[in-house]
């Protein structure tokens, strides 16, 4: 069954279970797990998986959100 995280849209990453949307700027991107399919147990786990596929680094921003930065 297809999850909403796989639908076309601004937050789609192409990786099932992971959503990414721009923060205040275009980059970095805020990474979140999809709460509908819960493929990852946390936003941090989703970000680590995203980094292994896309490269870059995952960190926390001032609001304690997980963000991704390309290298």
PDB file of N, CA and C in Angstrom:
ATOM      1  N   UNK A   1       0.847  -1.189   0.000  1.00  0.00           N
ATOM      2  CA  UNK A   1       0.000   0.000   0.000  1.00  0.00           C
ATOM      3  C   UNK A   1       0.887   1.246   0.000  1.00  0.00           C
ATOM      4  N   UNK A   2       0.511   2.221  -0.750  1.00  0.00           N
ATOM      5  CA  UNK A   2       1.270   3.455  -0.899  1.00  0.00           C
ATOM      6  C   UNK A   2       0.981   4.399   0.261  1.00  0.00           C
ATOM      7  N   UNK A   3       2.041   5.004   0.805  1.00  0.00           N
ATOM      8  CA  UNK A   3       1.910   5.947   1.920  1.00  0.00           C
ATOM      9  C   UNK A   3       1.883   7.381   1.390  1.00  0.00           C
ATOM     10  N   UNK A   4       1.390   8.285   2.190  1.00  0.00           N
ATOM     11  CA  UNK A   4       1.331   9.700   1.793  1.00  0.00           C
ATOM     12  C   UNK A   4       2.725  10.296   1.619  1.00  0.00           C
ATOM     13  N   UNK A   5       3.761   9.733   2.246  1.00  0.00           N
ATOM     14  CA  UNK A   5       5.117  10.266   2.085  1.00  0.00           C
ATOM     15  C   UNK A   5       5.683   9.985   0.693  1.00  0.00           C
ATOM     16  N   UNK A   6       5.031   9.107  -0.051  1.00  0.00           N
ATOM     17  CA  UNK A   6       5.459   8.785  -1.408  1.00  0.00           C
ATOM     18  C   UNK A   6       4.735   9.623  -2.462  1.00  0.00           C
ATOM     19  N   UNK A   7       3.722  10.393  -2.053  1.00  0.00           N
ATOM     20  CA  UNK A   7       2.984  11.244  -2.982  1.00  0.00           C
ATOM     21  C   UNK A   7       3.838  12.422  -3.431  1.00  0.00           C
ATOM     22  N   UNK A   8       3.587  12.911  -4.630  1.00  0.00           N
ATOM     23  CA  UNK A   8       4.286  14.085  -5.139  1.00  0.00           C
ATOM     24  C   UNK A   8       3.972  15.285  -4.262  1.00  0.00           C
ATOM     25  N   UNK A   9       4.959  16.136  -4.052  1.00  0.00           N
ATOM     26  CA  UNK A   9       4.733  17.335  -3.265  1.00  0.00           C
ATOM     27  C   UNK A   9       6.032  17.941  -2.791  1.00  0.00           C
ATOM     28  N   UNK A  10       5.910  19.034  -2.099  1.00  0.00           N
ATOM     29  CA  UNK A  10       7.081  19.802  -1.672  1.00  0.00           C
ATOM     30  C   UNK A  10       7.900  19.111  -0.598  1.00  0.00           C
ATOM     31  N   UNK A  11       7.316  18.194   0.156  1.00  0.00           N
ATOM     32  CA  UNK A  11       8.040  17.556   1.252  1.00  0.00           C
ATOM     33  C   UNK A  11       8.555  16.160   0.891  1.00  0.00           C
ATOM     34  N   UNK A  12       8.271  15.684  -0.292  1.00  0.00           N
ATOM     35  CA  UNK A  12       8.688  14.345  -0.715  1.00  0.00           C
ATOM     36  C   UNK A  12      10.198  14.296  -0.926  1.00  0.00           C
ATOM     37  N   UNK A  13      10.832  13.249  -0.404  1.00  0.00           N
ATOM     38  CA  UNK A  13      12.276  13.084  -0.559  1.00  0.00           C
ATOM     39  C   UNK A  13      12.634  11.996  -1.556  1.00  0.00           C
ATOM     40  N   UNK A  14      11.688  11.140  -1.879  1.00  0.00           N
ATOM     41  CA  UNK A  14      11.988   9.993  -2.713  1.00  0.00           C
ATOM     42  C   UNK A  14      12.408   8.783  -1.896  1.00  0.00           C
ATOM     43  N   UNK A  15      12.457   8.935  -0.588  1.00  0.00           N
ATOM     44  CA  UNK A  15      12.806   7.853   0.324  1.00  0.00           C
ATOM     45  C   UNK A  15      11.586   7.594   1.204  1.00  0.00           C
ATOM     46  N   UNK A  16      11.072   6.378   1.138  1.00  0.00           N
ATOM     47  CA  UNK A  16       9.867   6.053   1.905  1.00  0.00           C
ATOM     48  C   UNK A  16      10.112   6.246   3.395  1.00  0.00           C
ATOM     49  N   UNK A  17       9.211   6.968   4.045  1.00  0.00           N
ATOM     50  CA  UNK A  17       9.288   7.185   5.484  1.00  0.00           C
ATOM     51  C   UNK A  17       9.973   8.466   5.905  1.00  0.00           C
ATOM     52  N   UNK A  18      10.492   9.241   4.936  1.00  0.00           N
ATOM     53  CA  UNK A  18      11.222  10.472   5.267  1.00  0.00           C
ATOM     54  C   UNK A  18      10.612  11.657   4.539  1.00  0.00           C
ATOM     55  N   UNK A  19      10.353  12.724   5.292  1.00  0.00           N
ATOM     56  CA  UNK A  19       9.866  13.983   4.740  1.00  0.00           C
ATOM     57  C   UNK A  19      10.925  15.051   4.974  1.00  0.00           C
ATOM     58  N   UNK A  20      11.062  15.971   4.034  1.00  0.00           N
ATOM     59  CA  UNK A  20      12.023  17.069   4.187  1.00  0.00           C
ATOM     60  C   UNK A  20      11.377  18.339   3.657  1.00  0.00           C
ATOM     61  N   UNK A  21      11.537  19.398   4.397  1.00  0.00           N
ATOM     62  CA  UNK A  21      11.005  20.682   3.934  1.00  0.00           C
ATOM     63  C   UNK A  21      11.992  21.778   4.269  1.00  0.00           C
ATOM     64  N   UNK A  22      11.978  22.853   3.493  1.00  0.00           N
ATOM     65  CA  UNK A  22      12.936  23.933   3.741  1.00  0.00           C
ATOM     66  C   UNK A  22      12.692  24.597   5.087  1.00  0.00           C
ATOM     67  N   UNK A  23      13.772  24.980   5.737  1.00  0.00           N
ATOM     68  CA  UNK A  23      13.636  25.754   6.974  1.00  0.00           C
ATOM     69  C   UNK A  23      13.373  27.194   6.578  1.00  0.00           C
ATOM     70  N   UNK A  24      13.860  28.127   7.331  1.00  0.00           N
ATOM     71  CA  UNK A  24      13.642  29.542   7.031  1.00  0.00           C
ATOM     72  C   UNK A  24      14.278  29.933   5.705  1.00  0.00           C
ATOM     73  N   UNK A  25      15.350  29.244   5.353  1.00  0.00           N
ATOM     74  CA  UNK A  25      16.004  29.457   4.065  1.00  0.00           C
ATOM     75  C   UNK A  25      15.756  28.237   3.204  1.00  0.00           C
ATOM     76  N   UNK A  26      16.268  28.230   1.985  1.00  0.00           N
ATOM     77  CA  UNK A  26      16.121  27.073   1.106  1.00  0.00           C
ATOM     78  C   UNK A  26      16.887  25.883   1.677  1.00  0.00           C
ATOM     79  N   UNK A  27      18.089  26.136   2.165  1.00  0.00           N
ATOM     80  CA  UNK A  27      18.870  25.105   2.849  1.00  0.00           C
ATOM     81  C   UNK A  27      19.239  25.653   4.194  1.00  0.00           C
ATOM     82  N   UNK A  28      19.299  24.946   5.233  1.00  0.00           N
ATOM     83  CA  UNK A  28      19.189  23.502   5.327  1.00  0.00           C
ATOM     84  C   UNK A  28      17.746  23.019   5.243  1.00  0.00           C
ATOM     85  N   UNK A  29      17.588  21.722   5.069  1.00  0.00           N
ATOM     86  CA  UNK A  29      16.252  21.135   5.055  1.00  0.00           C
ATOM     87  C   UNK A  29      15.966  20.493   6.397  1.00  0.00           C
ATOM     88  N   UNK A  30      14.752  20.660   6.867  1.00  0.00           N
ATOM     89  CA  UNK A  30      14.302  20.009   8.095  1.00  0.00           C
ATOM     90  C   UNK A  30      13.871  18.589   7.714  1.00  0.00           C
ATOM     91  N   UNK A  31      14.387  17.602   8.429  1.00  0.00           N
ATOM     92  CA  UNK A  31      14.100  16.199   8.161  1.00  0.00           C
ATOM     93  C   UNK A  31      13.172  15.667   9.253  1.00  0.00           C
ATOM     94  N   UNK A  32      12.124  14.991   8.835  1.00  0.00           N
ATOM     95  CA  UNK A  32      11.197  14.360   9.773  1.00  0.00           C
ATOM     96  C   UNK A  32      10.835  12.980   9.272  1.00  0.00           C
ATOM     97  N   UNK A  33      10.510  12.103  10.201  1.00  0.00           N
ATOM     98  CA  UNK A  33       9.984  10.805   9.805  1.00  0.00           C
ATOM     99  C   UNK A  33       8.521  10.980   9.426  1.00  0.00           C
ATOM    100  N   UNK A  34       8.021  10.104   8.608  1.00  0.00           N
ATOM    101  CA  UNK A  34       6.601  10.117   8.260  1.00  0.00           C
ATOM    102  C   UNK A  34       5.834   9.474   9.407  1.00  0.00           C
ATOM    103  N   UNK A  35       4.919  10.214  10.006  1.00  0.00           N
ATOM    104  CA  UNK A  35       4.135   9.687  11.116  1.00  0.00           C
ATOM    105  C   UNK A  35       3.028   8.744  10.645  1.00  0.00           C
ATOM    106  N   UNK A  36       2.760   8.721   9.354  1.00  0.00           N
ATOM    107  CA  UNK A  36       1.720   7.824   8.839  1.00  0.00           C
ATOM    108  C   UNK A  36       2.231   6.384   8.744  1.00  0.00           C
ATOM    109  N   UNK A  37       3.425   6.183   8.173  1.00  0.00           N
ATOM    110  CA  UNK A  37       3.928   4.812   8.014  1.00  0.00           C
ATOM    111  C   UNK A  37       4.904   4.407   9.124  1.00  0.00           C
ATOM    112  N   UNK A  38       5.468   5.367   9.839  1.00  0.00           N
ATOM    113  CA  UNK A  38       6.382   5.120  10.953  1.00  0.00           C
ATOM    114  C   UNK A  38       7.475   4.111  10.607  1.00  0.00           C
ATOM    115  N   UNK A  39       8.075   4.271   9.431  1.00  0.00           N
ATOM    116  CA  UNK A  39       9.159   3.375   9.024  1.00  0.00           C
ATOM    117  C   UNK A  39      10.382   3.561   9.916  1.00  0.00           C
ATOM    118  N   UNK A  40      10.589   4.765  10.407  1.00  0.00           N
ATOM    119  CA  UNK A  40      11.708   5.067  11.306  1.00  0.00           C
ATOM    120  C   UNK A  40      11.149   5.392  12.682  1.00  0.00           C
ATOM    121  N   UNK A  41      11.902   5.068  13.729  1.00  0.00           N
ATOM    122  CA  UNK A  41      11.387   5.266  15.086  1.00  0.00           C
ATOM    123  C   UNK A  41      11.507   6.702  15.578  1.00  0.00           C
ATOM    124  N   UNK A  42      12.288   7.538  14.866  1.00  0.00           N
ATOM    125  CA  UNK A  42      12.444   8.935  15.292  1.00  0.00           C
ATOM    126  C   UNK A  42      12.880   9.789  14.106  1.00  0.00           C
ATOM    127  N   UNK A  43      12.817  11.107  14.298  1.00  0.00           N
ATOM    128  CA  UNK A  43      13.325  12.033  13.280  1.00  0.00           C
ATOM    129  C   UNK A  43      14.823  11.854  13.105  1.00  0.00           C
ATOM    130  N   UNK A  44      15.524  11.584  14.193  1.00  0.00           N
ATOM    131  CA  UNK A  44      16.973  11.396  14.139  1.00  0.00           C
ATOM    132  C   UNK A  44      17.341  10.174  13.296  1.00  0.00           C
ATOM    133  N   UNK A  45      16.617   9.077  13.480  1.00  0.00           N
ATOM    134  CA  UNK A  45      16.872   7.864  12.702  1.00  0.00           C
ATOM    135  C   UNK A  45      16.594   8.112  11.217  1.00  0.00           C
ATOM    136  N   UNK A  46      15.534   8.844  10.923  1.00  0.00           N
ATOM    137  CA  UNK A  46      15.216   9.184   9.536  1.00  0.00           C
ATOM    138  C   UNK A  46      16.321  10.050   8.934  1.00  0.00           C
ATOM    139  N   UNK A  47      16.831  11.002   9.703  1.00  0.00           N
ATOM    140  CA  UNK A  47      17.897  11.880   9.210  1.00  0.00           C
ATOM    141  C   UNK A  47      19.180  11.101   8.956  1.00  0.00           C
ATOM    142  N   UNK A  48      19.517  10.168   9.823  1.00  0.00           N
ATOM    143  CA  UNK A  48      20.720   9.357   9.610  1.00  0.00           C
ATOM    144  C   UNK A  48      20.604   8.523   8.340  1.00  0.00           C
ATOM    145  N   UNK A  49      19.444   7.975   8.094  1.00  0.00           N
ATOM    146  CA  UNK A  49      19.229   7.212   6.863  1.00  0.00           C
ATOM    147  C   UNK A  49      19.323   8.140   5.645  1.00  0.00           C
ATOM    148  N   UNK A  50      18.750   9.315   5.744  1.00  0.00           N
ATOM    149  CA  UNK A  50      18.798  10.302   4.663  1.00  0.00           C
ATOM    150  C   UNK A  50      20.246  10.673   4.343  1.00  0.00           C
ATOM    151  N   UNK A  51      21.058  10.864   5.385  1.00  0.00           N
ATOM    152  CA  UNK A  51      22.475  11.219   5.198  1.00  0.00           C
ATOM    153  C   UNK A  51      23.233  10.084   4.522  1.00  0.00           C
ATOM    154  N   UNK A  52      22.945   8.845   4.871  1.00  0.00           N
ATOM    155  CA  UNK A  52      23.663   7.726   4.241  1.00  0.00           C
ATOM    156  C   UNK A  52      23.354   7.632   2.753  1.00  0.00           C
ATOM    157  N   UNK A  53      22.175   8.061   2.356  1.00  0.00           N
ATOM    158  CA  UNK A  53      21.806   7.999   0.938  1.00  0.00           C
ATOM    159  C   UNK A  53      22.230   9.263   0.188  1.00  0.00           C
ATOM    160  N   UNK A  54      21.974  10.433   0.745  1.00  0.00           N
ATOM    161  CA  UNK A  54      22.206  11.703   0.052  1.00  0.00           C
ATOM    162  C   UNK A  54      23.562  12.349   0.366  1.00  0.00           C
ATOM    163  N   UNK A  55      24.228  11.895   1.412  1.00  0.00           N
ATOM    164  CA  UNK A  55      25.465  12.547   1.831  1.00  0.00           C
ATOM    165  C   UNK A  55      25.143  13.767   2.672  1.00  0.00           C
ATOM    166  N   UNK A  56      26.144  14.546   2.981  1.00  0.00           N
ATOM    167  CA  UNK A  56      25.941  15.733   3.804  1.00  0.00           C
ATOM    168  C   UNK A  56      26.003  15.391   5.282  1.00  0.00           C
ATOM    169  N   UNK A  57      25.466  16.278   6.103  1.00  0.00           N
ATOM    170  CA  UNK A  57      25.484  16.089   7.551  1.00  0.00           C
ATOM    171  C   UNK A  57      24.109  16.414   8.139  1.00  0.00           C
ATOM    172  N   UNK A  58      23.826  15.772   9.266  1.00  0.00           N
ATOM    173  CA  UNK A  58      22.585  16.048  10.001  1.00  0.00           C
ATOM    174  C   UNK A  58      22.960  16.710  11.314  1.00  0.00           C
ATOM    175  N   UNK A  59      22.226  17.733  11.677  1.00  0.00           N
ATOM    176  CA  UNK A  59      22.456  18.476  12.914  1.00  0.00           C
ATOM    177  C   UNK A  59      21.125  18.937  13.474  1.00  0.00           C
ATOM    178  N   UNK A  60      21.198  19.590  14.629  1.00  0.00           N
ATOM    179  CA  UNK A  60      20.017  20.234  15.210  1.00  0.00           C
ATOM    180  C   UNK A  60      20.102  21.728  14.956  1.00  0.00           C
ATOM    181  N   UNK A  61      18.957  22.370  14.727  1.00  0.00           N
ATOM    182  CA  UNK A  61      18.942  23.825  14.609  1.00  0.00           C
ATOM    183  C   UNK A  61      18.600  24.433  15.971  1.00  0.00           C
ATOM    184  N   UNK A  62      18.432  25.738  16.003  1.00  0.00           N
ATOM    185  CA  UNK A  62      18.160  26.445  17.260  1.00  0.00           C
ATOM    186  C   UNK A  62      16.844  26.013  17.896  1.00  0.00           C
ATOM    187  N   UNK A  63      15.923  25.498  17.088  1.00  0.00           N
ATOM    188  CA  UNK A  63      14.618  25.072  17.605  1.00  0.00           C
ATOM    189  C   UNK A  63      14.579  23.569  17.886  1.00  0.00           C
ATOM    190  N   UNK A  64      15.749  22.933  17.932  1.00  0.00           N
ATOM    191  CA  UNK A  64      15.907  21.494  18.198  1.00  0.00           C
ATOM    192  C   UNK A  64      15.256  20.613  17.136  1.00  0.00           C
ATOM    193  N   UNK A  65      15.170  21.122  15.904  1.00  0.00           N
ATOM    194  CA  UNK A  65      14.700  20.310  14.787  1.00  0.00           C
ATOM    195  C   UNK A  65      15.913  19.658  14.142  1.00  0.00           C
ATOM    196  N   UNK A  66      15.739  18.481  13.565  1.00  0.00           N
ATOM    197  CA  UNK A  66      16.826  17.822  12.846  1.00  0.00           C
ATOM    198  C   UNK A  66      16.899  18.441  11.461  1.00  0.00           C
ATOM    199  N   UNK A  67      18.081  18.910  11.103  1.00  0.00           N
ATOM    200  CA  UNK A  67      18.261  19.524   9.782  1.00  0.00           C
ATOM    201  C   UNK A  67      19.343  18.779   9.012  1.00  0.00           C
ATOM    202  N   UNK A  68      19.287  18.902   7.690  1.00  0.00           N
ATOM    203  CA  UNK A  68      20.278  18.300   6.807  1.00  0.00           C
ATOM    204  C   UNK A  68      20.964  19.416   6.021  1.00  0.00           C
ATOM    205  N   UNK A  69      22.283  19.305   5.953  1.00  0.00           N
ATOM    206  CA  UNK A  69      23.100  20.250   5.188  1.00  0.00           C
ATOM    207  C   UNK A  69      23.924  19.473   4.172  1.00  0.00           C
ATOM    208  N   UNK A  70      23.936  19.889   2.909  1.00  0.00           N
ATOM    209  CA  UNK A  70      24.790  19.205   1.927  1.00  0.00           C
ATOM    210  C   UNK A  70      26.251  19.585   2.174  1.00  0.00           C
ATOM    211  N   UNK A  71      27.131  18.770   1.716  1.00  0.00           N
ATOM    212  CA  UNK A  71      28.579  19.094   1.829  1.00  0.00           C
ATOM    213  C   UNK A  71      29.053  19.763   0.580  1.00  0.00           C
TER     214      UNK A  71
END
